[in-house]
């Protein structure tokens, strides 16, 4: 998912995010190489990652962002987001003892299962939007978010036809009706 998805319930500031990304357990996960898969798949919320973290999937229907008369490929911003999100999830699964307690405190989590996705997503969104701001300014961030929201697929959307079988479903683990419908549509479309 990117900055264009549902409102972020756990936002992070840039200083908080920088501190989290400097934790050794997170740096170790960030060092993993990830590749972007071809745009063959239908990925709700625009982007996702494989269970093993080695592949980032970007939705096949994601258009180029038209900003100030230029068509911009947003893959680099989505890749940043997905790499950080998956690295944090991996760090939470790998961390033990003191490292785990520090990571949980930095992410404002009570336990390793405390809405893991939303906390990791908040950090990833902060970095994604910072990258957009550095490239296109504050007005660019507003336009980027508006564009991304226009691109998100919903569970009711019949365009969800091909979902990679190894897609990490952590981002879709919510309990609301939308997430349940989305998981059902994705299950039917898994290859």
Protein backbone atom coordinates (compact mmCIF):
# COMPACT_ATOMS: atom_id res chain seq x y z
CA UNK A 1 0.00 0.00 0.00
CA UNK A 2 1.05 3.54 -0.45
CA UNK A 3 0.17 6.95 0.84
CA UNK A 4 -2.96 6.77 -1.28
CA UNK A 5 -4.71 4.11 0.77
CA UNK A 6 -7.08 4.40 3.74
CA UNK A 7 -6.33 7.15 6.24
CA UNK A 8 -3.26 6.19 8.23
CA UNK A 9 -4.29 5.37 11.81
CA UNK A 10 -0.70 5.46 13.11
CA UNK A 11 1.18 8.41 11.58
CA UNK A 12 4.86 9.02 12.29
CA UNK A 13 6.98 12.15 12.09
CA UNK A 14 10.19 12.31 10.08
CA UNK A 15 12.44 12.41 13.21
CA UNK A 16 10.63 9.35 14.65
CA UNK A 17 10.96 7.57 11.32
CA UNK A 18 14.68 8.31 11.01
CA UNK A 19 15.29 6.93 14.50
CA UNK A 20 13.41 3.73 13.66
CA UNK A 21 15.28 3.22 10.39
CA UNK A 22 18.62 3.57 12.22
CA UNK A 23 17.93 0.65 14.55
CA UNK A 24 20.39 -2.16 13.71
CA UNK A 25 17.64 -4.79 13.42
CA UNK A 26 15.84 -2.58 10.89
CA UNK A 27 19.03 -1.69 8.98
CA UNK A 28 19.72 -5.43 8.62
CA UNK A 29 16.29 -5.98 7.05
CA UNK A 30 16.64 -2.90 4.83
CA UNK A 31 19.87 -4.31 3.37
CA UNK A 32 17.94 -7.12 1.66
CA UNK A 33 17.65 -6.75 -2.08
CA UNK A 34 14.18 -6.57 -3.53
CA UNK A 35 13.11 -6.55 -7.13
CA UNK A 36 10.00 -5.10 -8.70
CA UNK A 37 7.88 -7.70 -10.48
CA UNK A 38 6.45 -6.93 -13.87
CA UNK A 39 3.10 -5.20 -13.90
CA UNK A 40 1.19 -8.40 -14.46
CA UNK A 41 -0.78 -8.44 -11.20
CA UNK A 42 -3.82 -6.81 -9.64
CA UNK A 43 -2.58 -5.46 -6.32
CA UNK A 44 -5.21 -3.76 -4.16
CA UNK A 45 -3.92 -0.54 -2.58
CA UNK A 46 -1.43 -0.27 -5.47
CA UNK A 47 1.59 -2.22 -4.25
CA UNK A 48 2.58 -5.12 -2.04
CA UNK A 49 5.38 -7.59 -1.40
CA UNK A 50 5.99 -11.31 -1.45
CA UNK A 51 5.92 -13.33 1.77
CA UNK A 52 9.71 -13.73 1.66
CA UNK A 53 10.18 -10.01 0.97
CA UNK A 54 12.23 -10.52 -2.17
CA UNK A 55 9.66 -9.15 -4.61
CA UNK A 56 7.65 -5.96 -4.71
CA UNK A 57 4.48 -6.08 -6.74
CA UNK A 58 2.97 -2.97 -8.33
CA UNK A 59 -0.55 -2.98 -9.67
CA UNK A 60 -0.82 -3.53 -13.41
CA UNK A 61 -3.37 -0.74 -13.88
CA UNK A 62 -1.46 1.99 -12.03
CA UNK A 63 -1.22 4.95 -14.39
CA UNK A 64 1.52 7.49 -14.69
CA UNK A 65 0.99 10.48 -12.40
CA UNK A 66 0.29 13.62 -14.40
CA UNK A 67 1.78 16.49 -12.41
CA UNK A 68 2.41 19.96 -13.81
CA UNK A 69 2.07 18.66 -17.35
CA UNK A 70 4.57 15.81 -16.88
CA UNK A 71 3.84 12.10 -16.68
CA UNK A 72 5.72 10.64 -13.72
CA UNK A 73 6.38 6.96 -12.98
CA UNK A 74 5.60 6.50 -9.28
CA UNK A 75 7.26 3.09 -8.95
CA UNK A 76 10.25 4.54 -7.07
CA UNK A 77 8.00 6.00 -4.36
CA UNK A 78 6.00 2.79 -4.02
CA UNK A 79 9.20 0.74 -3.87
CA UNK A 80 10.51 2.88 -1.00
CA UNK A 81 7.24 2.43 0.86
CA UNK A 82 7.04 -1.33 0.36
CA UNK A 83 10.71 -1.93 1.22
CA UNK A 84 10.40 -0.09 4.51
CA UNK A 85 7.08 -1.66 5.44
CA UNK A 86 8.33 -5.20 4.78
CA UNK A 87 11.67 -4.51 6.50
CA UNK A 88 9.85 -3.38 9.64
CA UNK A 89 7.56 -6.40 9.61
CA UNK A 90 10.61 -8.64 9.15
CA UNK A 91 12.45 -6.87 11.98
CA UNK A 92 9.50 -7.36 14.31
CA UNK A 93 9.42 -11.08 13.51
CA UNK A 94 13.19 -11.45 13.95
CA UNK A 95 13.88 -9.20 16.96
CA UNK A 96 14.26 -10.70 20.41
CA UNK A 97 14.66 -9.46 23.95
CA UNK A 98 16.06 -5.92 24.20
CA UNK A 99 16.02 -5.31 20.42
CA UNK A 100 12.36 -6.27 20.29
CA UNK A 101 11.45 -4.03 23.23
CA UNK A 102 13.25 -1.04 21.66
CA UNK A 103 11.59 -1.63 18.29
CA UNK A 104 8.15 -2.00 19.87
CA UNK A 105 8.62 1.22 21.84
CA UNK A 106 9.78 3.14 18.76
CA UNK A 107 6.80 1.86 16.76
CA UNK A 108 4.43 2.64 19.68
CA UNK A 109 3.35 -0.98 19.87
CA UNK A 110 2.38 -2.93 23.02
CA UNK A 111 3.20 -6.35 21.58
CA UNK A 112 4.62 -7.84 18.36
CA UNK A 113 1.07 -8.48 17.13
CA UNK A 114 -0.39 -5.06 18.05
CA UNK A 115 -1.77 -4.01 14.65
CA UNK A 116 1.64 -4.69 13.14
CA UNK A 117 0.68 -3.51 9.69
CA UNK A 118 -0.61 -0.07 10.66
CA UNK A 119 2.49 0.82 12.66
CA UNK A 120 4.86 -0.31 9.91
CA UNK A 121 2.70 1.36 7.28
CA UNK A 122 2.84 4.67 9.16
CA UNK A 123 6.64 4.72 9.05
CA UNK A 124 6.70 3.70 5.37
CA UNK A 125 4.17 6.38 4.44
CA UNK A 126 6.25 9.06 6.16
CA UNK A 127 9.30 8.16 4.06
CA UNK A 128 7.30 7.79 0.85
CA UNK A 129 5.73 11.22 1.22
CA UNK A 130 9.06 12.76 2.24
CA UNK A 131 10.58 11.42 -1.00
CA UNK A 132 7.70 12.91 -3.00
CA UNK A 133 8.12 16.23 -1.20
CA UNK A 134 11.85 16.31 -1.91
CA UNK A 135 11.16 15.74 -5.60
CA UNK A 136 8.00 17.85 -6.09
CA UNK A 137 7.44 20.05 -3.01
CA UNK A 138 4.46 20.23 -0.62
CA UNK A 139 2.02 20.87 -3.46
CA UNK A 140 3.37 17.71 -5.10
CA UNK A 141 2.51 15.66 -2.00
CA UNK A 142 -1.09 16.85 -2.10
CA UNK A 143 -1.36 16.07 -5.81
CA UNK A 144 0.39 12.70 -5.34
CA UNK A 145 -2.02 11.61 -2.60
CA UNK A 146 -5.03 12.68 -4.66
CA UNK A 147 -3.68 10.71 -7.64
CA UNK A 148 -2.94 7.61 -5.55
CA UNK A 149 -6.42 7.61 -4.00
CA UNK A 150 -7.87 7.68 -7.52
CA UNK A 151 -5.88 4.56 -8.43
CA UNK A 152 -6.74 2.26 -5.50
CA UNK A 153 -8.77 -0.82 -6.35
CA UNK A 154 -11.60 -1.82 -4.08
CA UNK A 155 -12.85 -5.32 -3.33
CA UNK A 156 -16.04 -4.57 -5.21
CA UNK A 157 -13.99 -3.82 -8.30
CA UNK A 158 -14.17 -6.67 -10.78
CA UNK A 159 -10.67 -5.77 -12.02
CA UNK A 160 -9.08 -7.96 -9.33
CA UNK A 161 -8.35 -10.96 -11.55
CA UNK A 162 -4.69 -11.90 -10.97
CA UNK A 163 -3.04 -11.87 -7.55
CA UNK A 164 0.37 -13.49 -6.95
CA UNK A 165 0.12 -16.61 -4.81
CA UNK A 166 3.02 -15.49 -2.62
CA UNK A 167 1.63 -12.02 -1.86
CA UNK A 168 2.07 -11.19 1.85
CA UNK A 169 -1.47 -10.73 3.15
CA UNK A 170 -0.45 -8.81 6.31
CA UNK A 171 -1.71 -5.48 4.88
CA UNK A 172 -5.13 -7.00 4.22
CA UNK A 173 -5.66 -8.58 7.65
CA UNK A 174 -8.15 -5.98 8.92
CA UNK A 175 -11.51 -6.97 10.37
CA UNK A 176 -13.76 -4.46 8.64
CA UNK A 177 -16.18 -5.48 5.89
CA UNK A 178 -14.02 -3.89 3.18
CA UNK A 179 -10.98 -5.98 4.16
CA UNK A 180 -13.03 -9.19 4.35
CA UNK A 181 -14.46 -8.58 0.85
CA UNK A 182 -11.01 -7.71 -0.42
CA UNK A 183 -9.45 -10.90 0.97
CA UNK A 184 -12.24 -12.99 -0.60
CA UNK A 185 -11.72 -11.33 -3.99
CA UNK A 186 -7.95 -11.81 -3.73
CA UNK A 187 -8.31 -15.46 -2.75
CA UNK A 188 -10.46 -16.11 -5.83
CA UNK A 189 -7.84 -14.38 -8.02
CA UNK A 190 -4.67 -15.96 -6.56
CA UNK A 191 -2.30 -17.66 -9.02
